[in-house]
Amino acid sequence: FVERIAKVHQDEDNKIQALSLSNVAADDSTLN
């Protein structure tokens, strides 16, 4: 699903200006 998000931004030429991965003790590997 995250790859879908990235593809939509790429297809729409809609650059991400800021990103937050707010979490509830998620695994560092998954966050990365």
PDB file of all heavy atoms in Angstrom:
ATOM      1  N   PHE A   1       0.840  -1.196   0.000  1.00  0.00           N
ATOM      2  CA  PHE A   1       0.000   0.000   0.000  1.00  0.00           C
ATOM      3  C   PHE A   1       0.877   1.249   0.000  1.00  0.00           C
ATOM      4  O   PHE A   1       0.560   2.232  -0.674  1.00  0.00           O
ATOM      5  CB  PHE A   1      -0.931   0.016   1.214  1.00  0.00           C
ATOM      6  CG  PHE A   1      -1.869   1.186   1.222  1.00  0.00           C
ATOM      7  CD1 PHE A   1      -3.070   1.140   0.522  1.00  0.00           C
ATOM      8  CD2 PHE A   1      -1.547   2.353   1.900  1.00  0.00           C
ATOM      9  CE1 PHE A   1      -3.925   2.234   0.502  1.00  0.00           C
ATOM     10  CE2 PHE A   1      -2.404   3.445   1.896  1.00  0.00           C
ATOM     11  CZ  PHE A   1      -3.597   3.386   1.191  1.00  0.00           C
ATOM     12  N   VAL A   2       1.972   1.217   0.747  1.00  0.00           N
ATOM     13  CA  VAL A   2       2.896   2.359   0.757  1.00  0.00           C
ATOM     14  C   VAL A   2       3.446   2.592  -0.651  1.00  0.00           C
ATOM     15  O   VAL A   2       3.601   3.743  -1.092  1.00  0.00           O
ATOM     16  CB  VAL A   2       4.040   2.128   1.760  1.00  0.00           C
ATOM     17  CG1 VAL A   2       5.016   3.308   1.739  1.00  0.00           C
ATOM     18  CG2 VAL A   2       3.490   1.924   3.160  1.00  0.00           C
ATOM     19  N   GLU A   3       3.722   1.509  -1.363  1.00  0.00           N
ATOM     20  CA  GLU A   3       4.194   1.631  -2.746  1.00  0.00           C
ATOM     21  C   GLU A   3       3.129   2.287  -3.627  1.00  0.00           C
ATOM     22  O   GLU A   3       3.451   3.057  -4.548  1.00  0.00           O
ATOM     23  CB  GLU A   3       4.577   0.255  -3.291  1.00  0.00           C
ATOM     24  CG  GLU A   3       5.837  -0.310  -2.647  1.00  0.00           C
ATOM     25  CD  GLU A   3       6.097  -1.757  -3.021  1.00  0.00           C
ATOM     26  OE1 GLU A   3       5.238  -2.354  -3.727  1.00  0.00           O
ATOM     27  OE2 GLU A   3       7.142  -2.299  -2.611  1.00  0.00           O
ATOM     28  N   ARG A   4       1.855   2.004  -3.338  1.00  0.00           N
ATOM     29  CA  ARG A   4       0.762   2.668  -4.063  1.00  0.00           C
ATOM     30  C   ARG A   4       0.790   4.168  -3.825  1.00  0.00           C
ATOM     31  O   ARG A   4       0.602   4.971  -4.743  1.00  0.00           O
ATOM     32  CB  ARG A   4      -0.597   2.110  -3.627  1.00  0.00           C
ATOM     33  CG  ARG A   4      -0.985   0.788  -4.257  1.00  0.00           C
ATOM     34  CD  ARG A   4      -2.291   0.251  -3.668  1.00  0.00           C
ATOM     35  NE  ARG A   4      -3.400   1.188  -3.796  1.00  0.00           N
ATOM     36  CZ  ARG A   4      -4.576   1.042  -3.188  1.00  0.00           C
ATOM     37  NH1 ARG A   4      -4.761   0.002  -2.392  1.00  0.00           N
ATOM     38  NH2 ARG A   4      -5.536   1.924  -3.375  1.00  0.00           N
ATOM     39  N   ILE A   5       1.028   4.550  -2.570  1.00  0.00           N
ATOM     40  CA  ILE A   5       1.113   5.975  -2.251  1.00  0.00           C
ATOM     41  C   ILE A   5       2.233   6.623  -3.056  1.00  0.00           C
ATOM     42  O   ILE A   5       2.058   7.683  -3.678  1.00  0.00           O
ATOM     43  CB  ILE A   5       1.377   6.185  -0.737  1.00  0.00           C
ATOM     44  CG1 ILE A   5       0.195   5.676   0.094  1.00  0.00           C
ATOM     45  CG2 ILE A   5       1.627   7.674  -0.446  1.00  0.00           C
ATOM     46  CD1 ILE A   5       0.446   5.744   1.593  1.00  0.00           C
ATOM     47  N   ALA A   6       3.399   5.990  -3.039  1.00  0.00           N
ATOM     48  CA  ALA A   6       4.555   6.539  -3.756  1.00  0.00           C
ATOM     49  C   ALA A   6       4.270   6.662  -5.251  1.00  0.00           C
ATOM     50  O   ALA A   6       4.641   7.661  -5.883  1.00  0.00           O
ATOM     51  CB  ALA A   6       5.778   5.661  -3.511  1.00  0.00           C
ATOM     52  N   LYS A   7       3.592   5.656  -5.806  1.00  0.00           N
ATOM     53  CA  LYS A   7       3.297   5.665  -7.246  1.00  0.00           C
ATOM     54  C   LYS A   7       2.332   6.800  -7.598  1.00  0.00           C
ATOM     55  O   LYS A   7       2.491   7.467  -8.630  1.00  0.00           O
ATOM     56  CB  LYS A   7       2.709   4.331  -7.675  1.00  0.00           C
ATOM     57  CG  LYS A   7       2.532   4.203  -9.182  1.00  0.00           C
ATOM     58  CD  LYS A   7       2.082   2.809  -9.576  1.00  0.00           C
ATOM     59  CE  LYS A   7       2.087   2.626 -11.089  1.00  0.00           C
ATOM     60  NZ  LYS A   7       1.272   3.608 -11.801  1.00  0.00           N
ATOM     61  N   VAL A   8       1.332   7.026  -6.746  1.00  0.00           N
ATOM     62  CA  VAL A   8       0.385   8.116  -6.999  1.00  0.00           C
ATOM     63  C   VAL A   8       1.108   9.461  -7.016  1.00  0.00           C
ATOM     64  O   VAL A   8       0.871  10.304  -7.889  1.00  0.00           O
ATOM     65  CB  VAL A   8      -0.746   8.111  -5.945  1.00  0.00           C
ATOM     66  CG1 VAL A   8      -1.534   9.422  -6.006  1.00  0.00           C
ATOM     67  CG2 VAL A   8      -1.674   6.937  -6.167  1.00  0.00           C
ATOM     68  N   HIS A   9       1.989   9.658  -6.071  1.00  0.00           N
ATOM     69  CA  HIS A   9       2.756  10.913  -6.039  1.00  0.00           C
ATOM     70  C   HIS A   9       3.620  11.059  -7.289  1.00  0.00           C
ATOM     71  O   HIS A   9       3.721  12.147  -7.862  1.00  0.00           O
ATOM     72  CB  HIS A   9       3.633  10.967  -4.783  1.00  0.00           C
ATOM     73  CG  HIS A   9       2.895  11.388  -3.556  1.00  0.00           C
ATOM     74  ND1 HIS A   9       2.591  12.706  -3.294  1.00  0.00           N
ATOM     75  CD2 HIS A   9       2.376  10.674  -2.526  1.00  0.00           C
ATOM     76  CE1 HIS A   9       1.924  12.779  -2.150  1.00  0.00           C
ATOM     77  NE2 HIS A   9       1.788  11.564  -1.660  1.00  0.00           N
ATOM     78  N   GLN A  10       4.219   9.946  -7.722  1.00  0.00           N
ATOM     79  CA  GLN A  10       5.068   9.990  -8.913  1.00  0.00           C
ATOM     80  C   GLN A  10       4.236  10.238 -10.171  1.00  0.00           C
ATOM     81  O   GLN A  10       4.579  11.092 -11.002  1.00  0.00           O
ATOM     82  CB  GLN A  10       5.835   8.672  -9.050  1.00  0.00           C
ATOM     83  CG  GLN A  10       6.810   8.656 -10.225  1.00  0.00           C
ATOM     84  CD  GLN A  10       7.614   7.362 -10.273  1.00  0.00           C
ATOM     85  OE1 GLN A  10       7.308   6.409  -9.558  1.00  0.00           O
ATOM     86  NE2 GLN A  10       8.635   7.334 -11.108  1.00  0.00           N
ATOM     87  N   ASP A  11       3.130   9.507 -10.314  1.00  0.00           N
ATOM     88  CA  ASP A  11       2.292   9.639 -11.506  1.00  0.00           C
ATOM     89  C   ASP A  11       1.677  11.029 -11.621  1.00  0.00           C
ATOM     90  O   ASP A  11       1.483  11.552 -12.727  1.00  0.00           O
ATOM     91  CB  ASP A  11       1.174   8.584 -11.500  1.00  0.00           C
ATOM     92  CG  ASP A  11       1.705   7.171 -11.691  1.00  0.00           C
ATOM     93  OD1 ASP A  11       2.885   7.037 -12.062  1.00  0.00           O
ATOM     94  OD2 ASP A  11       0.936   6.214 -11.458  1.00  0.00           O
ATOM     95  N   GLU A  12       1.342  11.613 -10.470  1.00  0.00           N
ATOM     96  CA  GLU A  12       0.702  12.939 -10.456  1.00  0.00           C
ATOM     97  C   GLU A  12       1.730  14.076 -10.446  1.00  0.00           C
ATOM     98  O   GLU A  12       1.351  15.244 -10.451  1.00  0.00           O
ATOM     99  CB  GLU A  12      -0.198  13.063  -9.217  1.00  0.00           C
ATOM    100  CG  GLU A  12      -1.344  12.075  -9.150  1.00  0.00           C
ATOM    101  CD  GLU A  12      -2.498  12.473 -10.033  1.00  0.00           C
ATOM    102  OE1 GLU A  12      -2.659  13.676 -10.299  1.00  0.00           O
ATOM    103  OE2 GLU A  12      -3.240  11.562 -10.472  1.00  0.00           O
ATOM    104  N   ASP A  13       3.022  13.719 -10.446  1.00  0.00           N
ATOM    105  CA  ASP A  13       4.087  14.713 -10.320  1.00  0.00           C
ATOM    106  C   ASP A  13       3.804  15.630  -9.130  1.00  0.00           C
ATOM    107  O   ASP A  13       3.847  16.858  -9.230  1.00  0.00           O
ATOM    108  CB  ASP A  13       4.237  15.532 -11.608  1.00  0.00           C
ATOM    109  CG  ASP A  13       5.505  16.395 -11.608  1.00  0.00           C
ATOM    110  OD1 ASP A  13       6.457  16.022 -10.889  1.00  0.00           O
ATOM    111  OD2 ASP A  13       5.522  17.441 -12.282  1.00  0.00           O
ATOM    112  N   ASN A  14       3.494  14.995  -8.016  1.00  0.00           N
ATOM    113  CA  ASN A  14       3.083  15.689  -6.802  1.00  0.00           C
ATOM    114  C   ASN A  14       4.111  15.399  -5.716  1.00  0.00           C
ATOM    115  O   ASN A  14       4.017  14.415  -4.991  1.00  0.00           O
ATOM    116  CB  ASN A  14       1.689  15.224  -6.371  1.00  0.00           C
ATOM    117  CG  ASN A  14       1.126  16.023  -5.226  1.00  0.00           C
ATOM    118  OD1 ASN A  14       1.663  17.057  -4.851  1.00  0.00           O
ATOM    119  ND2 ASN A  14       0.037  15.539  -4.660  1.00  0.00           N
ATOM    120  N   LYS A  15       5.098  16.257  -5.597  1.00  0.00           N
ATOM    121  CA  LYS A  15       6.215  16.019  -4.688  1.00  0.00           C
ATOM    122  C   LYS A  15       5.789  16.103  -3.226  1.00  0.00           C
ATOM    123  O   LYS A  15       5.002  16.967  -2.846  1.00  0.00           O
ATOM    124  CB  LYS A  15       7.330  17.026  -4.967  1.00  0.00           C
ATOM    125  CG  LYS A  15       7.982  16.838  -6.329  1.00  0.00           C
ATOM    126  CD  LYS A  15       9.083  17.870  -6.549  1.00  0.00           C
ATOM    127  CE  LYS A  15       9.716  17.693  -7.924  1.00  0.00           C
ATOM    128  NZ  LYS A  15      10.747  18.749  -8.171  1.00  0.00           N
ATOM    129  N   ILE A  16       6.325  15.178  -2.426  1.00  0.00           N
ATOM    130  CA  ILE A  16       6.116  15.210  -0.981  1.00  0.00           C
ATOM    131  C   ILE A  16       7.018  16.301  -0.400  1.00  0.00           C
ATOM    132  O   ILE A  16       8.229  16.311  -0.633  1.00  0.00           O
ATOM    133  CB  ILE A  16       6.438  13.849  -0.351  1.00  0.00           C
ATOM    134  CG1 ILE A  16       5.423  12.797  -0.823  1.00  0.00           C
ATOM    135  CG2 ILE A  16       6.435  13.935   1.177  1.00  0.00           C
ATOM    136  CD1 ILE A  16       5.733  11.378  -0.360  1.00  0.00           C
ATOM    137  N   GLN A  17       6.426  17.222   0.349  1.00  0.00           N
ATOM    138  CA  GLN A  17       7.175  18.330   0.930  1.00  0.00           C
ATOM    139  C   GLN A  17       7.597  18.055   2.371  1.00  0.00           C
ATOM    140  O   GLN A  17       8.553  18.652   2.865  1.00  0.00           O
ATOM    141  CB  GLN A  17       6.330  19.607   0.878  1.00  0.00           C
ATOM    142  CG  GLN A  17       6.014  20.073  -0.543  1.00  0.00           C
ATOM    143  CD  GLN A  17       5.160  21.324  -0.554  1.00  0.00           C
ATOM    144  OE1 GLN A  17       4.227  21.447   0.239  1.00  0.00           O
ATOM    145  NE2 GLN A  17       5.457  22.235  -1.449  1.00  0.00           N
ATOM    146  N   ALA A  18       6.877  17.182   3.047  1.00  0.00           N
ATOM    147  CA  ALA A  18       7.227  16.807   4.421  1.00  0.00           C
ATOM    148  C   ALA A  18       6.593  15.454   4.722  1.00  0.00           C
ATOM    149  O   ALA A  18       5.504  15.143   4.223  1.00  0.00           O
ATOM    150  CB  ALA A  18       6.738  17.848   5.423  1.00  0.00           C
ATOM    151  N   LEU A  19       7.271  14.654   5.548  1.00  0.00           N
ATOM    152  CA  LEU A  19       6.788  13.312   5.876  1.00  0.00           C
ATOM    153  C   LEU A  19       6.933  13.051   7.369  1.00  0.00           C
ATOM    154  O   LEU A  19       7.965  13.343   7.972  1.00  0.00           O
ATOM    155  CB  LEU A  19       7.587  12.257   5.106  1.00  0.00           C
ATOM    156  CG  LEU A  19       7.355  10.787   5.489  1.00  0.00           C
ATOM    157  CD1 LEU A  19       5.933  10.355   5.126  1.00  0.00           C
ATOM    158  CD2 LEU A  19       8.378   9.881   4.814  1.00  0.00           C
ATOM    159  N   SER A  20       5.881  12.506   7.951  1.00  0.00           N
ATOM    160  CA  SER A  20       5.929  12.051   9.338  1.00  0.00           C
ATOM    161  C   SER A  20       5.480  10.600   9.395  1.00  0.00           C
ATOM    162  O   SER A  20       4.490  10.227   8.768  1.00  0.00           O
ATOM    163  CB  SER A  20       5.014  12.902  10.219  1.00  0.00           C
ATOM    164  OG  SER A  20       4.926  12.353  11.528  1.00  0.00           O
ATOM    165  N   LEU A  21       6.218   9.791  10.130  1.00  0.00           N
ATOM    166  CA  LEU A  21       5.809   8.412  10.407  1.00  0.00           C
ATOM    167  C   LEU A  21       5.529   8.311  11.908  1.00  0.00           C
ATOM    168  O   LEU A  21       6.306   7.740  12.678  1.00  0.00           O
ATOM    169  CB  LEU A  21       6.882   7.416   9.965  1.00  0.00           C
ATOM    170  CG  LEU A  21       7.215   7.416   8.470  1.00  0.00           C
ATOM    171  CD1 LEU A  21       8.248   6.343   8.153  1.00  0.00           C
ATOM    172  CD2 LEU A  21       5.961   7.230   7.621  1.00  0.00           C
ATOM    173  N   SER A  22       4.429   8.918  12.322  1.00  0.00           N
ATOM    174  CA  SER A  22       4.016   8.873  13.723  1.00  0.00           C
ATOM    175  C   SER A  22       3.558   7.452  14.023  1.00  0.00           C
ATOM    176  O   SER A  22       2.816   6.866  13.242  1.00  0.00           O
ATOM    177  CB  SER A  22       2.889   9.867  13.955  1.00  0.00           C
ATOM    178  OG  SER A  22       3.277  11.151  13.494  1.00  0.00           O
ATOM    179  N   ASN A  23       3.991   6.897  15.155  1.00  0.00           N
ATOM    180  CA  ASN A  23       3.748   5.470  15.341  1.00  0.00           C
ATOM    181  C   ASN A  23       3.530   5.103  16.802  1.00  0.00           C
ATOM    182  O   ASN A  23       3.670   5.929  17.701  1.00  0.00           O
ATOM    183  CB  ASN A  23       4.916   4.675  14.747  1.00  0.00           C
ATOM    184  CG  ASN A  23       6.233   4.956  15.469  1.00  0.00           C
ATOM    185  OD1 ASN A  23       6.575   4.279  16.436  1.00  0.00           O
ATOM    186  ND2 ASN A  23       6.970   5.967  15.009  1.00  0.00           N
ATOM    187  N   VAL A  24       3.159   3.834  16.987  1.00  0.00           N
ATOM    188  CA  VAL A  24       2.949   3.297  18.341  1.00  0.00           C
ATOM    189  C   VAL A  24       3.957   2.160  18.541  1.00  0.00           C
ATOM    190  O   VAL A  24       3.622   0.988  18.421  1.00  0.00           O
ATOM    191  CB  VAL A  24       1.502   2.802  18.532  1.00  0.00           C
ATOM    192  CG1 VAL A  24       1.252   2.457  20.004  1.00  0.00           C
ATOM    193  CG2 VAL A  24       0.497   3.842  18.066  1.00  0.00           C
ATOM    194  N   ALA A  25       5.207   2.550  18.772  1.00  0.00           N
ATOM    195  CA  ALA A  25       6.300   1.597  18.985  1.00  0.00           C
ATOM    196  C   ALA A  25       6.422   0.611  17.828  1.00  0.00           C
ATOM    197  O   ALA A  25       6.578  -0.592  18.029  1.00  0.00           O
ATOM    198  CB  ALA A  25       6.113   0.850  20.305  1.00  0.00           C
ATOM    199  N   ALA A  26       6.370   1.133  16.615  1.00  0.00           N
ATOM    200  CA  ALA A  26       6.546   0.297  15.430  1.00  0.00           C
ATOM    201  C   ALA A  26       8.004  -0.121  15.296  1.00  0.00           C
ATOM    202  O   ALA A  26       8.912   0.532  15.823  1.00  0.00           O
ATOM    203  CB  ALA A  26       6.094   1.057  14.181  1.00  0.00           C
ATOM    204  N   ASP A  27       8.239  -1.228  14.593  1.00  0.00           N
ATOM    205  CA  ASP A  27       9.601  -1.714  14.389  1.00  0.00           C
ATOM    206  C   ASP A  27      10.398  -0.717  13.545  1.00  0.00           C
ATOM    207  O   ASP A  27       9.913  -0.208  12.534  1.00  0.00           O
ATOM    208  CB  ASP A  27       9.588  -3.062  13.669  1.00  0.00           C
ATOM    209  CG  ASP A  27       8.890  -4.147  14.476  1.00  0.00           C
ATOM    210  OD1 ASP A  27       8.878  -4.025  15.722  1.00  0.00           O
ATOM    211  OD2 ASP A  27       8.352  -5.082  13.861  1.00  0.00           O
ATOM    212  N   ASP A  28      11.644  -0.469  13.958  1.00  0.00           N
ATOM    213  CA  ASP A  28      12.496   0.463  13.219  1.00  0.00           C
ATOM    214  C   ASP A  28      12.689   0.018  11.773  1.00  0.00           C
ATOM    215  O   ASP A  28      12.743   0.847  10.862  1.00  0.00           O
ATOM    216  CB  ASP A  28      13.859   0.597  13.900  1.00  0.00           C
ATOM    217  CG  ASP A  28      13.792   1.412  15.181  1.00  0.00           C
ATOM    218  OD1 ASP A  28      12.815   2.174  15.354  1.00  0.00           O
ATOM    219  OD2 ASP A  28      14.717   1.284  16.014  1.00  0.00           O
ATOM    220  N   SER A  29      12.798  -1.289  11.568  1.00  0.00           N
ATOM    221  CA  SER A  29      13.021  -1.788  10.208  1.00  0.00           C
ATOM    222  C   SER A  29      11.844  -1.457   9.297  1.00  0.00           C
ATOM    223  O   SER A  29      12.030  -1.077   8.136  1.00  0.00           O
ATOM    224  CB  SER A  29      13.258  -3.299  10.230  1.00  0.00           C
ATOM    225  OG  SER A  29      12.124  -3.980  10.760  1.00  0.00           O
ATOM    226  N   THR A  30      10.622  -1.579   9.839  1.00  0.00           N
ATOM    227  CA  THR A  30       9.436  -1.251   9.047  1.00  0.00           C
ATOM    228  C   THR A  30       9.372   0.249   8.763  1.00  0.00           C
ATOM    229  O   THR A  30       9.067   0.678   7.650  1.00  0.00           O
ATOM    230  CB  THR A  30       8.157  -1.695   9.772  1.00  0.00           C
ATOM    231  OG1 THR A  30       8.240  -3.100  10.062  1.00  0.00           O
ATOM    232  CG2 THR A  30       6.924  -1.441   8.910  1.00  0.00           C
ATOM    233  N   LEU A  31       9.674   1.053   9.785  1.00  0.00           N
ATOM    234  CA  LEU A  31       9.686   2.504   9.598  1.00  0.00           C
ATOM    235  C   LEU A  31      10.677   2.899   8.512  1.00  0.00           C
ATOM    236  O   LEU A  31      10.376   3.738   7.648  1.00  0.00           O
ATOM    237  CB  LEU A  31      10.037   3.206  10.908  1.00  0.00           C
ATOM    238  CG  LEU A  31       8.994   3.140  12.026  1.00  0.00           C
ATOM    239  CD1 LEU A  31       9.580   3.683  13.327  1.00  0.00           C
ATOM    240  CD2 LEU A  31       7.746   3.929  11.650  1.00  0.00           C
ATOM    241  N   ASN A  32      11.849   2.305   8.525  1.00  0.00           N
ATOM    242  CA  ASN A  32      12.877   2.634   7.524  1.00  0.00           C
ATOM    243  C   ASN A  32      12.441   2.218   6.128  1.00  0.00           C
ATOM    244  O   ASN A  32      12.697   2.934   5.154  1.00  0.00           O
ATOM    245  CB  ASN A  32      14.206   1.964   7.887  1.00  0.00           C
ATOM    246  CG  ASN A  32      14.887   2.627   9.074  1.00  0.00           C
ATOM    247  OD1 ASN A  32      14.714   3.826   9.302  1.00  0.00           O
ATOM    248  ND2 ASN A  32      15.643   1.854   9.840  1.00  0.00           N
TER     249      ASN A  32
END
